[in-house]
Amino acid sequence: MKKVLKMGSAFIGIIVGAGFASGAEILQYFTAFGYMGIVAAIISTALFAYIGMALTRLGSRLQTTSHKDVIYTISGRFLGTIIDFIIIITLFGVGTVMIAGAGSNLEQQFGLPSYIGSGLMIVLVFATILLNVDKVVAVIGSITPFLILAVIGVSIYSLFTMDQSFAELSPIANAVDTTLPNWFISAINYVSFNIAVGASMALVMGGAEKDERTAALGGLVGGLGLGIMILLSHLAIFSKVDVVKDADLPMLAIINDISPILAILMAFVLYGMIFNTAVSMFYAFGARFVTIGTSKFKGFVLITLLIGFGLSFLGFKNLVAHLYPYIGYMGLLLSAVLIYASIKLPKKVAR
């Protein structure tokens, strides 16, 4: 059970980054649809649980050290090449967004120049990636509980201090700008985007676990936990949408309303979740091209981190607005292949 919870916590940590922890993604993907955002969150929960289980189970069955092995095994050369390309773009793109998000976080809360937060993130990510995969999973999983507690706490506070009913708040929520056409497509797009983000590291994480059942349960627990956090975050933001609808970081805005001191603590938790996703993205990106643990691997990761740092100057909000929806639509292919593969599992590799 300890391994299952550890893996589940790490799965949440892989996917939860700046957009989720700040509430920016939740506001656009769920709260903008008011009541139907609750239905969208439930659909997302079910899909996250199933696909999360499929990912870690496939990784364990094939004992993979890179997403490339699994993708080509389950989808063939032609389709595998397309999916591999999608994952590569996602890993580097989201990793870069996390570097930008680290800078924006410290800039907004503490007034520091964005390059300081981004530069510090590069140092922390590189230092962590020098460790082996088990230690990386442990580092990622250890930070996640703090975010879970923060989300639960903010949700309880928001629901008990609502100034208006959900019926009164619904028109305000529906007026929030979103790039998604409706609640159903939004739910599917959000899952496919996040699966594209987390697939590579989740497969590698599953590959590090020899017991297939433990790996599968870890993915299932992680997917369910993620879905519950989405629902709680949506309810928290929905209940305060009249106050936070224009905020770049809605969850942080709610916490600032509770206590400025708690907001400072939340800023550090948020930075930790950005770190989680950044480590996952660059670790898995490096593992795709170079053997893990070698000097070439370390050098490759360092170079990609520096390139990501340069691109981060395009701005966190700008990168999220233009990159995330496209990744979500591209990720639909990957999600479909994973669901098919979970039904028709490949044979176990020799131990």
Protein backbone atom coordinates (compact mmCIF):
# COMPACT_ATOMS: atom_id res chain seq x y z
CA MET A 1 0.00 0.00 0.00
CA LYS A 2 2.90 2.35 0.77
CA LYS A 3 4.25 1.86 -2.77
CA VAL A 4 0.80 2.45 -4.26
CA LEU A 5 0.32 5.72 -2.36
CA LYS A 6 3.86 6.82 -3.19
CA MET A 7 3.28 6.19 -6.89
CA GLY A 8 -0.18 7.77 -6.81
CA SER A 9 1.20 10.87 -5.12
CA ALA A 10 4.01 11.07 -7.68
CA PHE A 11 1.49 10.72 -10.55
CA ILE A 12 -0.43 13.73 -9.21
CA GLY A 13 2.83 15.62 -8.79
CA ILE A 14 3.88 14.92 -12.37
CA ILE A 15 0.71 16.43 -13.82
CA VAL A 16 0.00 19.24 -11.36
CA GLY A 17 2.03 22.28 -12.34
CA ALA A 18 1.72 26.05 -12.36
CA GLY A 19 -1.58 26.12 -14.26
CA PHE A 20 -3.45 23.69 -11.99
CA ALA A 21 -2.02 24.73 -8.63
CA SER A 22 -2.67 28.41 -9.33
CA GLY A 23 -6.26 27.69 -10.42
CA ALA A 24 -5.73 29.24 -13.86
CA GLU A 25 -6.45 25.98 -15.71
CA ILE A 26 -9.44 25.14 -13.52
CA LEU A 27 -11.00 28.55 -14.12
CA GLN A 28 -10.74 28.19 -17.90
CA TYR A 29 -11.53 24.48 -18.28
CA PHE A 30 -14.22 24.01 -15.63
CA THR A 31 -15.44 27.08 -13.73
CA ALA A 32 -16.18 28.95 -16.97
CA PHE A 33 -19.01 26.44 -17.52
CA GLY A 34 -20.61 26.95 -14.09
CA TYR A 35 -22.76 24.00 -12.96
CA MET A 36 -21.71 21.90 -15.96
CA GLY A 37 -18.12 22.33 -14.85
CA ILE A 38 -18.97 19.86 -12.06
CA VAL A 39 -20.08 17.27 -14.62
CA ALA A 40 -16.93 17.98 -16.66
CA ALA A 41 -14.80 17.43 -13.53
CA ILE A 42 -16.48 14.06 -12.88
CA ILE A 43 -15.86 12.94 -16.48
CA SER A 44 -12.23 14.02 -16.18
CA THR A 45 -11.87 12.09 -12.91
CA ALA A 46 -13.06 8.84 -14.49
CA LEU A 47 -10.76 9.26 -17.49
CA PHE A 48 -7.74 10.20 -15.37
CA ALA A 49 -8.24 7.14 -13.15
CA TYR A 50 -8.51 4.74 -16.10
CA ILE A 51 -5.73 6.16 -18.25
CA GLY A 52 -3.45 6.66 -15.22
CA MET A 53 -3.85 2.98 -14.41
CA ALA A 54 -3.19 2.05 -18.06
CA LEU A 55 0.01 4.12 -18.20
CA THR A 56 1.71 2.74 -15.10
CA ARG A 57 0.55 -0.80 -15.89
CA LEU A 58 1.99 -0.65 -19.41
CA GLY A 59 5.25 0.77 -18.09
CA SER A 60 5.55 -2.05 -15.56
CA ARG A 61 4.61 -4.78 -18.02
CA LEU A 62 7.22 -3.66 -20.55
CA GLN A 63 9.76 -2.62 -17.87
CA THR A 64 10.42 0.53 -19.86
CA THR A 65 12.99 3.25 -19.17
CA SER A 66 11.63 5.55 -21.90
CA HIS A 67 8.20 6.26 -23.36
CA LYS A 68 9.61 5.43 -26.81
CA ASP A 69 9.70 1.68 -26.05
CA VAL A 70 6.03 1.56 -25.07
CA ILE A 71 4.65 3.87 -27.75
CA TYR A 72 6.20 1.96 -30.66
CA THR A 73 5.21 -1.39 -29.14
CA ILE A 74 1.52 -0.54 -28.78
CA SER A 75 0.97 1.61 -31.87
CA GLY A 76 3.41 0.49 -34.58
CA ARG A 77 6.03 2.45 -36.51
CA PHE A 78 3.89 5.03 -38.36
CA LEU A 79 1.46 5.94 -35.58
CA GLY A 80 4.22 5.53 -33.02
CA THR A 81 6.33 8.15 -34.80
CA ILE A 82 3.47 10.68 -34.69
CA ILE A 83 2.72 10.05 -31.00
CA ASP A 84 6.40 10.09 -30.12
CA PHE A 85 6.69 13.50 -31.81
CA ILE A 86 3.65 14.80 -29.89
CA ILE A 87 5.14 13.66 -26.57
CA ILE A 88 8.54 15.17 -27.38
CA ILE A 89 6.94 18.56 -28.16
CA THR A 90 4.84 18.32 -25.00
CA LEU A 91 7.75 17.44 -22.71
CA PHE A 92 9.97 20.28 -23.83
CA GLY A 93 7.11 22.78 -24.28
CA VAL A 94 5.56 22.24 -20.84
CA GLY A 95 9.01 22.11 -19.24
CA THR A 96 9.68 25.55 -20.69
CA VAL A 97 6.30 26.82 -19.46
CA MET A 98 7.19 25.62 -15.96
CA ILE A 99 10.46 27.58 -16.03
CA ALA A 100 8.48 30.66 -17.06
CA GLY A 101 5.87 29.93 -14.37
CA ALA A 102 8.56 29.75 -11.69
CA GLY A 103 9.68 33.24 -12.63
CA SER A 104 6.13 34.62 -12.72
CA ASN A 105 5.29 33.10 -9.33
CA LEU A 106 8.11 34.80 -7.44
CA GLU A 107 7.65 38.00 -9.42
CA GLN A 108 3.93 38.30 -8.54
CA GLN A 109 4.22 37.34 -4.87
CA PHE A 110 7.58 38.86 -3.93
CA GLY A 111 8.34 41.38 -6.69
CA LEU A 112 11.52 39.60 -7.81
CA PRO A 113 12.65 39.79 -11.46
CA SER A 114 11.27 36.78 -13.33
CA TYR A 115 14.72 35.55 -14.37
CA ILE A 116 15.62 34.93 -10.71
CA GLY A 117 12.74 32.50 -10.15
CA SER A 118 13.39 30.85 -13.51
CA GLY A 119 17.14 30.59 -12.93
CA LEU A 120 16.64 29.06 -9.48
CA MET A 121 14.25 26.51 -10.99
CA ILE A 122 16.88 25.42 -13.51
CA VAL A 123 19.42 24.84 -10.73
CA LEU A 124 16.94 22.83 -8.62
CA VAL A 125 15.75 20.72 -11.57
CA PHE A 126 19.28 19.89 -12.74
CA ALA A 127 20.41 18.96 -9.21
CA THR A 128 17.40 16.64 -8.81
CA ILE A 129 17.84 15.00 -12.21
CA LEU A 130 21.35 13.94 -11.20
CA LEU A 131 19.60 11.45 -8.88
CA ASN A 132 18.18 8.08 -10.03
CA VAL A 133 14.53 7.54 -11.02
CA ASP A 134 13.46 6.13 -7.63
CA LYS A 135 14.77 9.22 -5.88
CA VAL A 136 13.12 11.47 -8.46
CA VAL A 137 9.76 9.74 -7.81
CA ALA A 138 10.29 10.17 -4.07
CA VAL A 139 11.08 13.89 -4.42
CA ILE A 140 8.05 14.49 -6.64
CA GLY A 141 5.71 12.53 -4.37
CA SER A 142 6.91 14.18 -1.16
CA ILE A 143 5.75 17.65 -2.20
CA THR A 144 2.31 16.66 -3.46
CA PRO A 145 0.62 16.22 -0.01
CA PHE A 146 1.19 19.91 0.76
CA LEU A 147 -0.79 20.91 -2.33
CA ILE A 148 -3.57 18.41 -1.52
CA LEU A 149 -3.91 19.91 1.98
CA ALA A 150 -3.92 23.43 0.54
CA VAL A 151 -6.64 22.58 -2.01
CA ILE A 152 -8.82 20.90 0.64
CA GLY A 153 -8.35 23.80 3.05
CA VAL A 154 -9.14 26.48 0.46
CA SER A 155 -12.19 24.53 -0.75
CA ILE A 156 -13.63 24.22 2.76
CA TYR A 157 -13.02 27.90 3.46
CA SER A 158 -14.53 29.01 0.15
CA LEU A 159 -17.67 26.90 0.50
CA PHE A 160 -18.32 28.03 4.09
CA THR A 161 -17.77 31.72 3.35
CA MET A 162 -19.79 32.02 0.13
CA ASP A 163 -21.53 35.39 -0.19
CA GLN A 164 -23.88 34.19 -2.94
CA SER A 165 -25.48 30.89 -3.97
CA PHE A 166 -24.17 28.84 -6.89
CA ALA A 167 -27.36 29.77 -8.78
CA GLU A 168 -26.44 33.46 -8.45
CA LEU A 169 -22.78 32.84 -9.28
CA SER A 170 -23.45 30.67 -12.35
CA PRO A 171 -24.07 33.59 -14.78
CA ILE A 172 -20.83 35.22 -13.57
CA ALA A 173 -18.93 31.96 -14.12
CA ASN A 174 -20.43 31.51 -17.59
CA ALA A 175 -19.19 34.99 -18.52
CA VAL A 176 -15.54 34.01 -17.86
CA ASP A 177 -13.46 33.98 -21.05
CA THR A 178 -12.40 30.51 -22.22
CA THR A 179 -10.90 29.14 -25.43
CA LEU A 180 -12.91 25.89 -25.09
CA PRO A 181 -16.24 25.59 -27.00
CA ASN A 182 -18.26 23.62 -24.40
CA TRP A 183 -17.97 21.72 -21.12
CA PHE A 184 -17.73 18.24 -22.69
CA ILE A 185 -14.92 19.06 -25.09
CA SER A 186 -13.25 20.98 -22.28
CA ALA A 187 -13.26 17.88 -20.02
CA ILE A 188 -11.83 15.67 -22.77
CA ASN A 189 -9.26 18.27 -23.85
CA TYR A 190 -8.09 18.75 -20.27
CA VAL A 191 -7.50 15.03 -19.79
CA SER A 192 -5.75 14.58 -23.14
CA PHE A 193 -3.55 17.60 -22.48
CA ASN A 194 -2.50 16.33 -19.07
CA ILE A 195 -1.99 12.77 -20.31
CA ALA A 196 0.30 14.14 -23.03
CA VAL A 197 2.13 15.99 -20.25
CA GLY A 198 2.37 13.07 -17.82
CA ALA A 199 2.48 10.00 -20.07
CA SER A 200 6.23 9.81 -20.52
CA MET A 201 7.19 10.09 -16.85
CA ALA A 202 4.26 7.88 -15.76
CA LEU A 203 5.46 5.13 -18.11
CA VAL A 204 9.03 5.45 -16.81
CA MET A 205 7.70 5.42 -13.24
CA GLY A 206 5.67 2.29 -13.97
CA GLY A 207 8.72 0.69 -15.55
CA ALA A 208 10.62 1.13 -12.28
CA GLU A 209 7.99 -1.04 -10.49
CA LYS A 210 8.25 -4.78 -11.22
CA ASP A 211 4.91 -5.66 -9.61
CA GLU A 212 2.35 -4.86 -12.33
CA ARG A 213 -0.59 -4.81 -9.90
CA THR A 214 1.14 -2.29 -7.62
CA ALA A 215 1.97 -0.11 -10.63
CA ALA A 216 -1.63 -0.25 -11.91
CA LEU A 217 -3.09 0.63 -8.49
CA GLY A 218 -0.62 3.49 -8.17
CA GLY A 219 -1.84 4.98 -11.46
CA LEU A 220 -5.48 4.42 -10.48
CA VAL A 221 -5.08 6.10 -7.08
CA GLY A 222 -3.17 8.97 -8.68
CA GLY A 223 -5.85 9.49 -11.32
CA LEU A 224 -8.67 9.43 -8.76
CA GLY A 225 -6.77 11.80 -6.47
CA LEU A 226 -6.15 14.19 -9.31
CA GLY A 227 -9.82 14.14 -10.30
CA ILE A 228 -10.97 14.84 -6.74
CA MET A 229 -8.56 17.79 -6.56
CA ILE A 230 -9.99 19.14 -9.83
CA LEU A 231 -13.52 18.96 -8.41
CA LEU A 232 -12.54 20.60 -5.11
CA SER A 233 -10.59 23.35 -6.90
CA HIS A 234 -13.53 24.00 -9.22
CA LEU A 235 -15.95 24.29 -6.28
CA ALA A 236 -13.56 26.64 -4.47
CA ILE A 237 -13.12 28.94 -7.47
CA PHE A 238 -16.81 28.69 -8.44
CA SER A 239 -17.87 29.76 -4.95
CA LYS A 240 -15.63 32.86 -5.19
CA VAL A 241 -15.84 33.47 -8.95
CA ASP A 242 -17.31 36.94 -8.43
CA VAL A 243 -14.04 37.93 -6.70
CA VAL A 244 -11.37 35.93 -8.59
CA LYS A 245 -12.75 35.78 -12.16
CA ASP A 246 -10.13 38.25 -13.44
CA ALA A 247 -7.20 36.96 -11.37
CA ASP A 248 -4.23 35.30 -13.12
CA LEU A 249 -3.79 33.02 -10.08
CA PRO A 250 -7.32 32.46 -8.67
CA MET A 251 -6.34 30.04 -5.87
CA LEU A 252 -3.62 32.39 -4.67
CA ALA A 253 -6.15 35.25 -4.75
CA ILE A 254 -8.52 33.26 -2.52
CA ILE A 255 -5.71 32.47 -0.07
CA ASN A 256 -4.68 36.14 0.00
CA ASP A 257 -8.22 36.87 1.09
CA ILE A 258 -7.82 34.37 3.95
CA SER A 259 -4.38 35.53 5.08
CA PRO A 260 -1.38 37.22 3.40
CA ILE A 261 0.91 34.96 5.44
CA LEU A 262 -0.84 31.84 4.11
CA ALA A 263 -0.53 33.32 0.61
CA ILE A 264 3.24 33.47 1.04
CA LEU A 265 3.26 29.81 2.12
CA MET A 266 1.05 28.93 -0.86
CA ALA A 267 3.49 30.69 -3.18
CA PHE A 268 6.20 28.30 -1.98
CA VAL A 269 3.90 25.29 -2.39
CA LEU A 270 3.05 26.50 -5.89
CA TYR A 271 6.76 26.83 -6.66
CA GLY A 272 7.22 23.27 -5.44
CA MET A 273 4.49 21.99 -7.77
CA ILE A 274 6.05 23.84 -10.68
CA PHE A 275 9.31 22.14 -9.72
CA ASN A 276 7.53 18.75 -9.73
CA THR A 277 6.35 19.13 -13.30
CA ALA A 278 9.60 20.67 -14.52
CA VAL A 279 11.64 17.73 -13.15
CA SER A 280 9.26 15.24 -14.76
CA MET A 281 9.32 16.98 -18.16
CA PHE A 282 13.07 17.41 -18.50
CA TYR A 283 13.91 14.01 -16.97
CA ALA A 284 11.59 12.19 -19.38
CA PHE A 285 12.71 14.39 -22.30
CA GLY A 286 16.33 13.48 -21.65
CA ALA A 287 15.46 9.78 -21.21
CA ARG A 288 13.88 9.79 -24.68
CA PHE A 289 17.19 10.62 -26.37
CA VAL A 290 20.03 9.60 -24.04
CA THR A 291 20.65 6.71 -21.61
CA ILE A 292 19.70 7.72 -18.06
CA GLY A 293 22.56 8.18 -15.61
CA THR A 294 25.33 8.73 -18.15
CA SER A 295 27.43 11.88 -18.47
CA LYS A 296 25.81 12.47 -21.87
CA PHE A 297 22.39 12.40 -20.19
CA LYS A 298 23.42 15.07 -17.69
CA GLY A 299 24.94 17.25 -20.40
CA PHE A 300 21.88 16.86 -22.64
CA VAL A 301 19.50 17.84 -19.84
CA LEU A 302 21.61 20.86 -18.91
CA ILE A 303 21.58 22.12 -22.51
CA THR A 304 17.79 21.68 -22.83
CA LEU A 305 17.28 23.48 -19.51
CA LEU A 306 19.30 26.46 -20.76
CA ILE A 307 17.33 26.55 -24.03
CA GLY A 308 14.09 26.38 -22.01
CA PHE A 309 15.33 29.27 -19.86
CA GLY A 310 15.85 31.39 -22.98
CA LEU A 311 12.38 30.60 -24.32
CA SER A 312 10.78 31.30 -20.93
CA PHE A 313 11.23 35.03 -21.58
CA LEU A 314 8.23 34.76 -23.96
CA GLY A 315 6.15 34.87 -20.76
CA PHE A 316 4.19 32.35 -18.70
CA LYS A 317 0.69 33.59 -19.53
CA ASN A 318 1.49 33.91 -23.23
CA LEU A 319 2.97 30.41 -23.42
CA VAL A 320 0.01 28.81 -21.59
CA ALA A 321 -2.57 30.57 -23.76
CA HIS A 322 -1.00 29.49 -27.04
CA LEU A 323 0.47 26.07 -26.20
CA TYR A 324 -1.87 24.19 -23.85
CA PRO A 325 -5.02 23.89 -26.01
CA TYR A 326 -2.99 22.64 -29.00
CA ILE A 327 -1.33 19.99 -26.86
CA GLY A 328 -4.78 18.94 -25.63
CA TYR A 329 -6.07 18.34 -29.15
CA MET A 330 -2.87 16.53 -30.20
CA GLY A 331 -3.07 14.43 -27.04
CA LEU A 332 -6.42 12.93 -28.10
CA LEU A 333 -4.55 10.49 -30.35
CA LEU A 334 -2.32 9.37 -27.51
CA SER A 335 -5.27 8.90 -25.14
CA ALA A 336 -7.14 6.80 -27.71
CA VAL A 337 -4.09 4.56 -28.28
CA LEU A 338 -3.57 4.11 -24.53
CA ILE A 339 -7.21 3.11 -23.99
CA TYR A 340 -6.94 0.60 -26.85
CA ALA A 341 -3.63 -0.75 -25.51
CA SER A 342 -5.09 -1.19 -22.03
CA ILE A 343 -7.74 -3.47 -23.52
CA LYS A 344 -5.25 -5.38 -25.66
CA LEU A 345 -2.11 -5.47 -23.50
CA PRO A 346 1.24 -6.42 -25.08
CA LYS A 347 3.02 -9.52 -23.79
CA LYS A 348 5.19 -9.26 -20.73
CA VAL A 349 8.91 -8.74 -21.30
CA ALA A 350 11.39 -11.27 -19.93
CA ARG A 351 12.46 -10.43 -16.42
